């Protein structure tokens, strides 16, 4: 060494080995120590514990150890990390500002860090290699620019919730554009089972719950006559000739594939490839392409069975006593042109005769009408002694009613008489046969008793 400072007194330290004191007024020294003209091999200054400060590479100052700055740093150029990183922290290790490496912002945070100020990224790309926890919002710093989240390679953009959080898209003002858009951006999908949106949802527990994979709550606030509001709109498609396009597909396993509480209008042909059910519970209309339509409960239509003289399947039978008279069938020959049976009696005592008629129930028979009413048009010349009495046997040949009265109350008028106790308790099945015995009694001397149309309603199952 050309110049060495040694303190040989172990008990008396030297305060300054080399000191530049103030002398004349103004600038005392242009440079304190000048190495500019020298050629230094390793470093200009070696510090106490071997750390170096060197300028061996022109234009750079290199510090080989950690550097602590207790004041401000004012740089007119660029602070650049070569192969490492520069981390600006407070005394407890919390990150105060950005971490910069090689011209792009690169966060390499080994543990949990807190940023007490805001970060603004003006670089073209910002890479985060660890999780970001934001207590505030993420906002683009330039007006009318997009915030883009782009996953690298085959990575995904994942939003993870806990038990009481969700992902929300909220408007700060009345929206003038779609709130959420999903687009392939003209990149047509060529892989099967790739969808625009897929929802995988499962419920659990044992209590009563109401859950939906997708629930849409709409509010109508516009009363303009031309306004339309749809909960879900599937727009038209230009289909391909050989492909099959369905706007809505509902898979199997559902107790009810489609439940519509409001009135619905179908402006095109409605096609069902399987069983179609309208209604709820036990009150339904079902159409099965294999078996045809089927009605149940209150959805069953009401149909009427009507027979007129001469009744099909009828026979005239005497009961064995007081059966003398004249039995004819005829037509009124004037409006309403009724056909009728007439039992006339000229004997000195009342006489009677029976009509037995067998009425088949059709294959679509399900049950008698809610109020099972048997109607018969009748007439008698004597409302006291001229009677029409009816006995009905159900399809199992058991009597449902016995000698129920149907005689007319109005002299010289054919009238419709009804009974609600003749078809109400018996057993009636499709393709079965109801048997009726109609006893006509003519009053003595000039009795004239007539019977015409018989009708009753039933509920059909198809």
Protein backbone atom coordinates (compact mmCIF):
# COMPACT_ATOMS: atom_id res chain seq x y z
CA UNK A 1 0.00 0.00 0.00
CA UNK A 2 1.26 3.50 -0.80
CA UNK A 3 -0.64 5.03 2.13
CA UNK A 4 -1.61 3.12 5.30
CA UNK A 5 -3.25 4.34 8.51
CA UNK A 6 -2.55 2.20 11.61
CA UNK A 7 -3.62 2.89 15.21
CA UNK A 8 -1.28 0.99 17.53
CA UNK A 9 -2.94 2.25 20.73
CA UNK A 10 -5.57 -0.33 21.68
CA UNK A 11 -7.01 1.99 24.36
CA UNK A 12 -7.28 5.21 22.35
CA UNK A 13 -9.33 4.96 19.11
CA UNK A 14 -8.72 7.48 16.34
CA UNK A 15 -11.92 9.33 15.46
CA UNK A 16 -11.06 9.97 11.80
CA UNK A 17 -8.27 8.32 9.85
CA UNK A 18 -8.74 10.86 7.04
CA UNK A 19 -10.73 14.10 7.27
CA UNK A 20 -11.22 17.04 4.91
CA UNK A 21 -11.73 20.25 6.89
CA UNK A 22 -13.20 23.52 5.70
CA UNK A 23 -10.66 26.20 4.84
CA UNK A 24 -11.09 29.12 2.55
CA UNK A 25 -14.43 30.68 1.75
CA UNK A 26 -16.41 29.01 -1.05
CA UNK A 27 -15.60 25.55 -2.35
CA UNK A 28 -12.73 23.93 -0.50
CA UNK A 29 -12.28 20.91 -2.80
CA UNK A 30 -13.66 20.12 -6.26
CA UNK A 31 -13.42 16.39 -5.56
CA UNK A 32 -12.91 14.70 -2.20
CA UNK A 33 -11.38 11.51 -3.64
CA UNK A 34 -10.87 11.12 -7.39
CA UNK A 35 -10.28 7.68 -8.94
CA UNK A 36 -11.27 8.76 -12.43
CA UNK A 37 -7.83 8.48 -14.06
CA UNK A 38 -6.88 5.27 -12.27
CA UNK A 39 -7.42 1.75 -13.52
CA UNK A 40 -9.04 -0.19 -10.68
CA UNK A 41 -9.09 -3.98 -10.87
CA UNK A 42 -11.89 -5.10 -8.52
CA UNK A 43 -13.45 -2.16 -6.67
CA UNK A 44 -12.67 1.42 -5.75
CA UNK A 45 -13.76 0.99 -2.12
CA UNK A 46 -13.72 -2.04 0.18
CA UNK A 47 -15.98 -1.57 3.22
CA UNK A 48 -15.45 -2.93 6.74
CA UNK A 49 -17.03 -6.38 6.24
CA UNK A 50 -15.84 -6.93 2.71
CA UNK A 51 -18.76 -5.32 0.85
CA UNK A 52 -17.63 -3.44 -2.27
CA UNK A 53 -18.52 -0.25 -4.03
CA UNK A 54 -17.15 -0.22 -7.52
CA UNK A 55 -17.38 1.57 -10.85
CA UNK A 56 -15.33 -0.91 -12.84
CA UNK A 57 -18.09 -1.01 -15.48
CA UNK A 58 -18.44 2.41 -17.00
CA UNK A 59 -21.79 4.07 -16.22
CA UNK A 60 -22.71 1.84 -13.27
CA UNK A 61 -22.12 1.80 -9.52
CA UNK A 62 -22.29 -1.67 -8.01
CA UNK A 63 -23.08 -2.47 -4.38
CA UNK A 64 -22.24 -6.07 -3.45
CA UNK A 65 -24.19 -6.19 -0.15
CA UNK A 66 -27.57 -5.00 1.18
CA UNK A 67 -27.95 -1.22 1.13
CA UNK A 68 -29.98 0.73 3.68
CA UNK A 69 -31.03 4.29 2.78
CA UNK A 70 -32.18 6.41 5.73
CA UNK A 71 -33.07 9.39 3.57
CA UNK A 72 -34.73 10.01 0.22
CA UNK A 73 -33.49 8.68 -3.09
CA UNK A 74 -33.87 11.03 -6.02
CA UNK A 75 -32.95 9.46 -9.31
CA UNK A 76 -32.95 11.15 -12.70
CA UNK A 77 -32.44 7.87 -14.51
CA UNK A 78 -33.55 4.27 -14.15
CA UNK A 79 -33.20 1.92 -11.21
CA UNK A 80 -32.74 -1.43 -12.90
CA UNK A 81 -32.47 -4.92 -11.50
CA UNK A 82 -30.41 -7.16 -13.70
CA UNK A 83 -30.93 -10.83 -12.88
CA UNK A 84 -32.49 -10.11 -9.48
CA UNK A 85 -35.27 -7.98 -8.08
CA UNK A 86 -35.58 -4.71 -6.20
CA UNK A 87 -38.02 -4.80 -3.28
CA UNK A 88 -39.10 -1.60 -1.52
CA UNK A 89 -40.39 -2.39 1.99
CA UNK A 90 -40.94 -0.69 5.32
CA UNK A 91 -39.07 -1.59 8.51
CA UNK A 92 -41.35 -4.59 9.16
CA UNK A 93 -40.95 -6.03 5.67
CA UNK A 94 -44.28 -4.91 4.19
CA UNK A 95 -44.09 -3.96 0.52
CA UNK A 96 -44.59 -0.23 0.12
CA UNK A 97 -44.48 0.08 -3.65
CA UNK A 98 -43.90 -1.92 -6.80
CA UNK A 99 -41.23 -4.53 -7.47
CA UNK A 100 -39.46 -4.00 -10.76
CA UNK A 101 -37.32 -6.40 -12.73
CA UNK A 102 -35.98 -6.15 -16.27
CA UNK A 103 -38.45 -3.55 -17.49
CA UNK A 104 -41.70 -5.31 -16.50
CA UNK A 105 -43.42 -5.44 -13.14
CA UNK A 106 -42.76 -8.85 -11.60
CA UNK A 107 -44.11 -9.67 -8.13
CA UNK A 108 -42.17 -12.48 -6.47
CA UNK A 109 -43.61 -12.38 -2.96
CA UNK A 110 -42.57 -15.35 -0.84
CA UNK A 111 -45.12 -14.77 1.96
CA UNK A 112 -48.05 -12.56 2.94
CA UNK A 113 -47.26 -8.93 2.16
CA UNK A 114 -49.28 -5.75 2.68
CA UNK A 115 -49.19 -2.84 0.25
CA UNK A 116 -50.07 0.30 2.16
CA UNK A 117 -50.42 2.47 -0.92
CA UNK A 118 -51.95 1.95 -4.32
CA UNK A 119 -50.23 0.31 -7.25
CA UNK A 120 -50.46 1.73 -10.72
CA UNK A 121 -49.23 -0.45 -13.59
CA UNK A 122 -48.48 1.39 -16.82
CA UNK A 123 -46.54 -1.41 -18.47
CA UNK A 124 -47.95 -3.46 -21.30
CA UNK A 125 -48.11 -6.58 -19.14
CA UNK A 126 -48.07 -7.21 -15.40
CA UNK A 127 -47.29 -10.68 -14.10
CA UNK A 128 -48.25 -11.97 -10.65
CA UNK A 129 -46.76 -15.31 -9.66
CA UNK A 130 -48.55 -15.45 -6.29
CA UNK A 131 -52.10 -14.77 -5.10
CA UNK A 132 -53.40 -11.19 -4.91
CA UNK A 133 -55.68 -10.19 -2.02
CA UNK A 134 -57.30 -6.83 -2.69
CA UNK A 135 -59.23 -4.99 0.04
CA UNK A 136 -60.37 -2.42 -2.49
CA UNK A 137 -61.07 -2.51 -6.19
CA UNK A 138 -59.03 -2.99 -9.32
CA UNK A 139 -59.61 -0.13 -11.74
CA UNK A 140 -58.06 0.84 -15.06
CA UNK A 141 -56.16 4.11 -14.58
CA UNK A 142 -56.98 5.44 -18.05
CA UNK A 143 -60.54 6.36 -18.99
CA UNK A 144 -62.37 4.11 -21.48
CA UNK A 145 -59.79 1.33 -21.36
CA UNK A 146 -60.64 -2.31 -20.74
CA UNK A 147 -59.58 -4.41 -17.77
CA UNK A 148 -58.41 -7.70 -19.24
CA UNK A 149 -57.72 -10.89 -17.33
CA UNK A 150 -55.95 -13.34 -19.61
CA UNK A 151 -54.80 -16.77 -18.48
CA UNK A 152 -51.50 -18.00 -19.89
CA UNK A 153 -51.34 -21.22 -21.88
CA UNK A 154 -53.94 -23.73 -20.68
CA UNK A 155 -54.48 -21.93 -17.37
CA UNK A 156 -57.92 -20.82 -16.18
CA UNK A 157 -59.29 -17.66 -14.62
CA UNK A 158 -60.81 -18.93 -11.36
CA UNK A 159 -63.03 -17.11 -8.87
CA UNK A 160 -63.26 -18.93 -5.53
CA UNK A 161 -65.94 -18.16 -2.92
CA UNK A 162 -66.37 -19.25 0.66
CA UNK A 163 -69.67 -20.00 2.41
CA UNK A 164 -70.94 -16.42 2.52
CA UNK A 165 -69.43 -14.70 -0.53
CA UNK A 166 -70.38 -14.56 -4.18
CA UNK A 167 -69.24 -13.05 -7.46
CA UNK A 168 -71.29 -10.00 -8.45
CA UNK A 169 -71.50 -7.78 -11.50
CA UNK A 170 -73.05 -4.48 -10.42
CA UNK A 171 -73.80 -1.36 -12.45
CA UNK A 172 -72.81 2.06 -11.12
CA UNK A 173 -75.19 3.68 -13.63
CA UNK A 174 -78.00 2.68 -15.99
CA UNK A 175 -76.45 0.18 -18.37
CA UNK A 176 -76.29 1.04 -22.04
CA UNK A 177 -74.64 -2.24 -23.03
CA UNK A 178 -74.97 -5.89 -22.04
CA UNK A 179 -73.90 -6.49 -18.44
CA UNK A 180 -72.17 -9.76 -19.30
CA UNK A 181 -71.06 -11.04 -22.66
CA UNK A 182 -69.73 -14.47 -23.55
CA UNK A 183 -68.34 -14.74 -27.05
CA UNK A 184 -66.06 -17.06 -28.96
CA UNK A 185 -64.93 -13.89 -30.76
CA UNK A 186 -65.36 -15.54 -34.19
CA UNK A 187 -63.23 -18.48 -33.03
CA UNK A 188 -65.66 -21.28 -33.86
CA UNK A 189 -65.63 -24.19 -31.41
CA UNK A 190 -64.52 -27.46 -33.00
CA UNK A 191 -64.46 -29.65 -29.87
CA UNK A 192 -67.51 -31.60 -28.74
CA UNK A 193 -69.01 -30.93 -25.26
CA UNK A 194 -67.47 -27.43 -25.16
CA UNK A 195 -70.22 -25.01 -24.08
CA UNK A 196 -70.68 -21.27 -23.81
CA UNK A 197 -71.62 -21.52 -20.11
CA UNK A 198 -71.71 -24.61 -17.91
CA UNK A 199 -73.24 -24.67 -14.43
CA UNK A 200 -72.43 -27.56 -12.07
CA UNK A 201 -74.56 -27.22 -8.93
CA UNK A 202 -75.40 -29.68 -6.16
CA UNK A 203 -77.54 -29.18 -3.07
CA UNK A 204 -77.27 -31.05 0.20
CA UNK A 205 -78.62 -31.29 3.70
CA UNK A 206 -81.89 -32.84 4.84
CA UNK A 207 -84.20 -29.84 5.33
CA UNK A 208 -86.65 -28.40 2.80
CA UNK A 209 -84.82 -26.31 0.19
CA UNK A 210 -85.57 -24.44 -3.01
CA UNK A 211 -82.51 -24.24 -5.26
CA UNK A 212 -81.91 -23.44 -8.91
CA UNK A 213 -78.91 -23.86 -11.13
CA UNK A 214 -79.93 -20.55 -12.70
CA UNK A 215 -82.54 -18.19 -11.21
CA UNK A 216 -83.66 -15.09 -13.12
CA UNK A 217 -85.51 -12.34 -11.21
CA UNK A 218 -87.02 -9.75 -13.55
CA UNK A 219 -88.60 -6.39 -12.65
CA UNK A 220 -90.85 -4.54 -15.11
CA UNK A 221 -90.60 -0.75 -14.72
CA UNK A 222 -91.39 0.36 -18.29
CA UNK A 223 -95.10 0.69 -19.10
CA UNK A 224 -94.69 1.57 -22.77
CA UNK A 225 -97.15 -0.35 -24.95
CA UNK A 226 -94.34 -1.42 -27.28
CA UNK A 227 -92.00 -2.60 -24.51
CA UNK A 228 -91.22 -6.30 -24.25
CA UNK A 229 -89.41 -7.96 -21.35
CA UNK A 230 -88.22 -11.56 -21.52
CA UNK A 231 -86.78 -13.64 -18.72
CA UNK A 232 -84.90 -15.72 -21.28
CA UNK A 233 -84.59 -15.15 -25.02
CA UNK A 234 -83.10 -17.64 -27.45
CA UNK A 235 -82.71 -15.86 -30.77
CA UNK A 236 -83.18 -17.44 -34.16
CA UNK A 237 -80.52 -19.48 -35.89
CA UNK A 238 -79.58 -20.09 -39.48
CA UNK A 239 -79.47 -23.86 -39.36
CA UNK A 240 -77.37 -26.20 -41.43
CA UNK A 241 -79.19 -28.57 -43.75
CA UNK A 242 -77.70 -31.78 -42.36
CA UNK A 243 -77.36 -30.74 -38.71
CA UNK A 244 -80.08 -30.79 -36.04
CA UNK A 245 -80.52 -27.64 -33.95
CA UNK A 246 -82.59 -27.50 -30.74
CA UNK A 247 -83.16 -24.21 -28.89
CA UNK A 248 -83.85 -25.95 -25.56
CA UNK A 249 -83.06 -29.50 -24.46
CA UNK A 250 -84.24 -30.94 -21.12
CA UNK A 251 -82.67 -34.24 -20.13
CA UNK A 252 -84.28 -37.22 -18.42
CA UNK A 253 -84.75 -37.89 -14.71
CA UNK A 254 -86.75 -34.76 -13.85
CA UNK A 255 -90.08 -35.14 -12.04
CA UNK A 256 -91.30 -32.34 -14.28
CA UNK A 257 -89.29 -31.29 -17.30
CA UNK A 258 -91.07 -27.95 -17.78
CA UNK A 259 -93.38 -26.13 -15.35
CA UNK A 260 -95.12 -22.99 -16.64
CA UNK A 261 -97.32 -21.01 -14.23
CA UNK A 262 -98.30 -18.24 -16.66
CA UNK A 263 -100.36 -18.53 -19.81
CA UNK A 264 -98.20 -19.48 -22.78
CA UNK A 265 -98.52 -18.88 -26.49
CA UNK A 266 -96.76 -21.02 -29.07
CA UNK A 267 -96.47 -19.22 -32.39
CA UNK A 268 -95.09 -22.26 -34.17
CA UNK A 269 -95.68 -26.00 -34.18
CA UNK A 270 -95.11 -27.59 -30.77
CA UNK A 271 -93.47 -31.00 -31.15
CA UNK A 272 -92.88 -33.51 -28.37
CA UNK A 273 -90.82 -36.60 -29.14
CA UNK A 274 -91.84 -38.28 -25.88
CA UNK A 275 -94.82 -38.20 -23.54
CA UNK A 276 -96.33 -34.72 -23.19
CA UNK A 277 -98.08 -33.89 -19.89
CA UNK A 278 -100.10 -30.73 -19.22
CA UNK A 279 -101.44 -29.98 -15.74
CA UNK A 280 -100.26 -30.89 -12.26
CA UNK A 281 -100.72 -33.61 -9.68
CA UNK A 282 -103.55 -35.97 -10.64
CA UNK A 283 -105.23 -33.41 -12.92
CA UNK A 284 -103.39 -33.77 -16.21
CA UNK A 285 -103.65 -34.18 -19.93
CA UNK A 286 -101.09 -36.67 -21.22
CA UNK A 287 -100.23 -37.35 -24.82
CA UNK A 288 -98.11 -40.38 -25.56
CA UNK A 289 -97.19 -40.82 -29.24
CA UNK A 290 -97.53 -44.58 -28.79
CA UNK A 291 -100.96 -44.62 -27.11
CA UNK A 292 -102.54 -41.26 -27.86
CA UNK A 293 -104.12 -38.68 -25.50
CA UNK A 294 -105.12 -39.46 -21.92
CA UNK A 295 -107.07 -37.25 -19.49
CA UNK A 296 -106.98 -37.52 -15.69
CA UNK A 297 -108.74 -35.83 -12.77
CA UNK A 298 -110.36 -32.48 -13.48
CA UNK A 299 -108.74 -32.39 -16.92
CA UNK A 300 -111.09 -35.13 -18.16
CA UNK A 301 -113.59 -33.77 -20.70
CA UNK A 302 -117.30 -34.28 -20.18
CA UNK A 303 -119.08 -36.30 -22.87
CA UNK A 304 -122.73 -37.25 -23.23
CA UNK A 305 -124.44 -40.51 -24.14
CA UNK A 306 -127.86 -40.00 -25.73
CA UNK A 307 -130.31 -42.58 -27.07
CA UNK A 308 -133.72 -42.06 -28.67
CA UNK A 309 -136.54 -44.47 -29.45
CA UNK A 310 -136.39 -46.93 -30.77
CA UNK A 311 -133.58 -47.48 -28.25
CA UNK A 312 -130.72 -49.66 -29.58
CA UNK A 313 -130.50 -52.90 -27.65
CA UNK A 314 -134.02 -52.48 -26.20
CA UNK A 315 -136.73 -55.09 -25.71
CA UNK A 316 -140.37 -54.77 -24.58
CA UNK A 317 -141.33 -57.07 -21.73
CA UNK A 318 -144.49 -57.71 -19.72
CA UNK A 319 -143.99 -58.25 -16.02
CA UNK A 320 -146.82 -60.85 -15.86
CA UNK A 321 -149.65 -58.83 -14.36
CA UNK A 322 -151.83 -55.91 -15.57
CA UNK A 323 -150.09 -55.71 -18.92
CA UNK A 324 -153.03 -55.07 -21.27
CA UNK A 325 -152.71 -52.06 -23.53
CA UNK A 326 -151.23 -50.75 -26.75
CA UNK A 327 -147.49 -50.15 -27.09
CA UNK A 328 -146.30 -48.14 -30.10
CA UNK A 329 -143.31 -46.09 -31.24
CA UNK A 330 -143.86 -42.89 -33.15
CA UNK A 331 -142.62 -39.36 -33.97
CA UNK A 332 -144.23 -36.08 -33.08
CA UNK A 333 -143.99 -35.01 -36.80
CA UNK A 334 -143.64 -31.38 -35.67
CA UNK A 335 -140.94 -29.46 -33.85
CA UNK A 336 -139.00 -30.68 -31.99
CA UNK A 337 -139.71 -33.95 -33.88
CA UNK A 338 -139.22 -36.30 -30.96
CA UNK A 339 -139.27 -40.04 -31.33
CA UNK A 340 -141.15 -41.66 -28.45
CA UNK A 341 -142.62 -44.85 -27.04
CA UNK A 342 -146.33 -44.68 -26.14
CA UNK A 343 -148.18 -46.97 -23.72
CA UNK A 344 -151.99 -46.51 -24.03
CA UNK A 345 -154.53 -48.10 -21.67
CA UNK A 346 -158.31 -48.51 -22.18
CA UNK A 347 -158.84 -50.94 -19.32
CA UNK A 348 -160.78 -50.07 -16.21
CA UNK A 349 -157.65 -50.38 -14.08
CA UNK A 350 -154.10 -49.12 -14.46
CA UNK A 351 -151.92 -51.22 -16.75
CA UNK A 352 -148.10 -51.24 -17.20
CA UNK A 353 -145.44 -52.45 -19.58
CA UNK A 354 -141.63 -52.53 -19.35
CA UNK A 355 -138.81 -51.42 -21.64
CA UNK A 356 -135.48 -53.10 -21.01
CA UNK A 357 -132.54 -51.29 -22.64
CA UNK A 358 -128.84 -52.14 -22.61
CA UNK A 359 -126.50 -49.16 -22.96
CA UNK A 360 -122.78 -49.91 -23.64
CA UNK A 361 -120.24 -47.59 -22.03
CA UNK A 362 -117.53 -46.52 -24.52
CA UNK A 363 -113.83 -47.38 -24.29
CA UNK A 364 -112.96 -43.82 -23.22
CA UNK A 365 -115.27 -43.96 -20.19
CA UNK A 366 -113.46 -42.99 -16.96
CA UNK A 367 -116.25 -42.12 -14.51
CA UNK A 368 -119.69 -40.64 -14.31
CA UNK A 369 -119.87 -36.84 -14.26
CA UNK A 370 -119.21 -35.00 -11.02
CA UNK A 371 -122.96 -34.73 -10.52
CA UNK A 372 -124.21 -37.96 -12.12
CA UNK A 373 -127.55 -37.01 -13.64
CA UNK A 374 -129.84 -39.32 -15.58
CA UNK A 375 -132.25 -37.39 -17.83
CA UNK A 376 -135.38 -38.84 -19.50
CA UNK A 377 -138.02 -36.98 -21.51
CA UNK A 378 -141.47 -38.18 -20.38
CA UNK A 379 -145.18 -37.41 -20.68
CA UNK A 380 -148.34 -38.67 -18.95
CA UNK A 381 -152.01 -37.90 -19.34
CA UNK A 382 -152.59 -38.54 -15.64
CA UNK A 383 -150.01 -37.13 -13.25
CA UNK A 384 -151.42 -39.17 -10.40
CA UNK A 385 -151.74 -42.64 -11.89
CA UNK A 386 -149.64 -42.47 -15.06
CA UNK A 387 -146.02 -43.02 -14.05
CA UNK A 388 -142.53 -43.66 -15.42
CA UNK A 389 -140.39 -45.67 -12.97
CA UNK A 390 -136.75 -46.51 -13.75
CA UNK A 391 -134.41 -49.12 -12.27
CA UNK A 392 -130.70 -48.90 -13.22
CA UNK A 393 -128.22 -51.79 -12.99
CA UNK A 394 -124.51 -50.91 -13.13
CA UNK A 395 -121.90 -52.71 -15.24
CA UNK A 396 -121.58 -55.39 -12.54
CA UNK A 397 -125.39 -55.93 -12.72
CA UNK A 398 -126.06 -54.45 -9.28
CA UNK A 399 -128.98 -52.04 -8.82
CA UNK A 400 -127.90 -48.42 -8.45
CA UNK A 401 -131.46 -47.12 -8.12
CA UNK A 402 -134.84 -48.90 -7.98
CA UNK A 403 -138.15 -47.56 -9.30
CA UNK A 404 -136.94 -43.96 -9.44
CA UNK A 405 -139.77 -41.69 -10.59
CA UNK A 406 -139.47 -39.78 -13.87
CA UNK A 407 -143.11 -38.98 -14.65
CA UNK A 408 -143.98 -35.56 -16.10
CA UNK A 409 -145.66 -32.88 -14.03
CA UNK A 410 -147.09 -30.87 -16.92
CA UNK A 411 -150.21 -32.15 -18.60
CA UNK A 412 -149.99 -32.49 -22.40
CA UNK A 413 -146.26 -31.56 -22.44
CA UNK A 414 -143.23 -33.81 -22.94
CA UNK A 415 -140.74 -32.70 -20.27
CA UNK A 416 -137.15 -33.57 -19.33
CA UNK A 417 -137.06 -35.17 -15.89
CA UNK A 418 -133.84 -35.86 -13.98
CA UNK A 419 -132.55 -37.99 -11.12
CA UNK A 420 -129.12 -37.74 -9.44
CA UNK A 421 -129.40 -41.00 -7.48
CA UNK A 422 -129.45 -43.50 -10.36
CA UNK A 423 -125.80 -43.33 -11.47
CA UNK A 424 -124.03 -42.23 -8.30
CA UNK A 425 -123.10 -45.33 -6.30
CA UNK A 426 -122.73 -48.16 -8.78
CA UNK A 427 -119.66 -49.62 -10.44
CA UNK A 428 -119.16 -48.39 -14.00
CA UNK A 429 -116.25 -49.38 -16.22
CA UNK A 430 -115.23 -48.74 -19.81
CA UNK A 431 -116.73 -51.19 -22.31
CA UNK A 432 -119.21 -52.35 -19.66
CA UNK A 433 -122.99 -52.32 -20.16
CA UNK A 434 -125.60 -50.45 -18.15
CA UNK A 435 -129.05 -52.05 -17.99
CA UNK A 436 -132.18 -49.94 -17.48
CA UNK A 437 -135.72 -51.17 -16.84
CA UNK A 438 -138.28 -48.44 -17.64
CA UNK A 439 -141.81 -49.25 -16.41
CA UNK A 440 -144.58 -47.25 -18.12
CA UNK A 441 -147.94 -47.23 -16.30
CA UNK A 442 -151.09 -45.98 -18.05
CA UNK A 443 -153.95 -44.70 -15.94
CA UNK A 444 -157.29 -46.51 -16.16
CA UNK A 445 -159.67 -46.03 -19.10
CA UNK A 446 -157.70 -43.49 -21.18
CA UNK A 447 -154.17 -43.54 -19.82
CA UNK A 448 -151.38 -42.32 -22.15
CA UNK A 449 -147.78 -42.49 -20.91
CA UNK A 450 -144.80 -41.75 -23.10
CA UNK A 451 -140.99 -41.83 -22.87
CA UNK A 452 -138.46 -40.31 -25.26
CA UNK A 453 -134.81 -39.25 -25.09
CA UNK A 454 -132.48 -40.75 -22.44
CA UNK A 455 -129.13 -39.05 -21.72
CA UNK A 456 -126.37 -38.87 -19.12
CA UNK A 457 -122.87 -37.36 -18.94
CA UNK A 458 -119.57 -39.06 -18.20
CA UNK A 459 -115.90 -38.09 -17.86
CA UNK A 460 -113.69 -39.34 -20.68
CA UNK A 461 -110.10 -40.51 -20.27
CA UNK A 462 -109.19 -39.92 -23.93
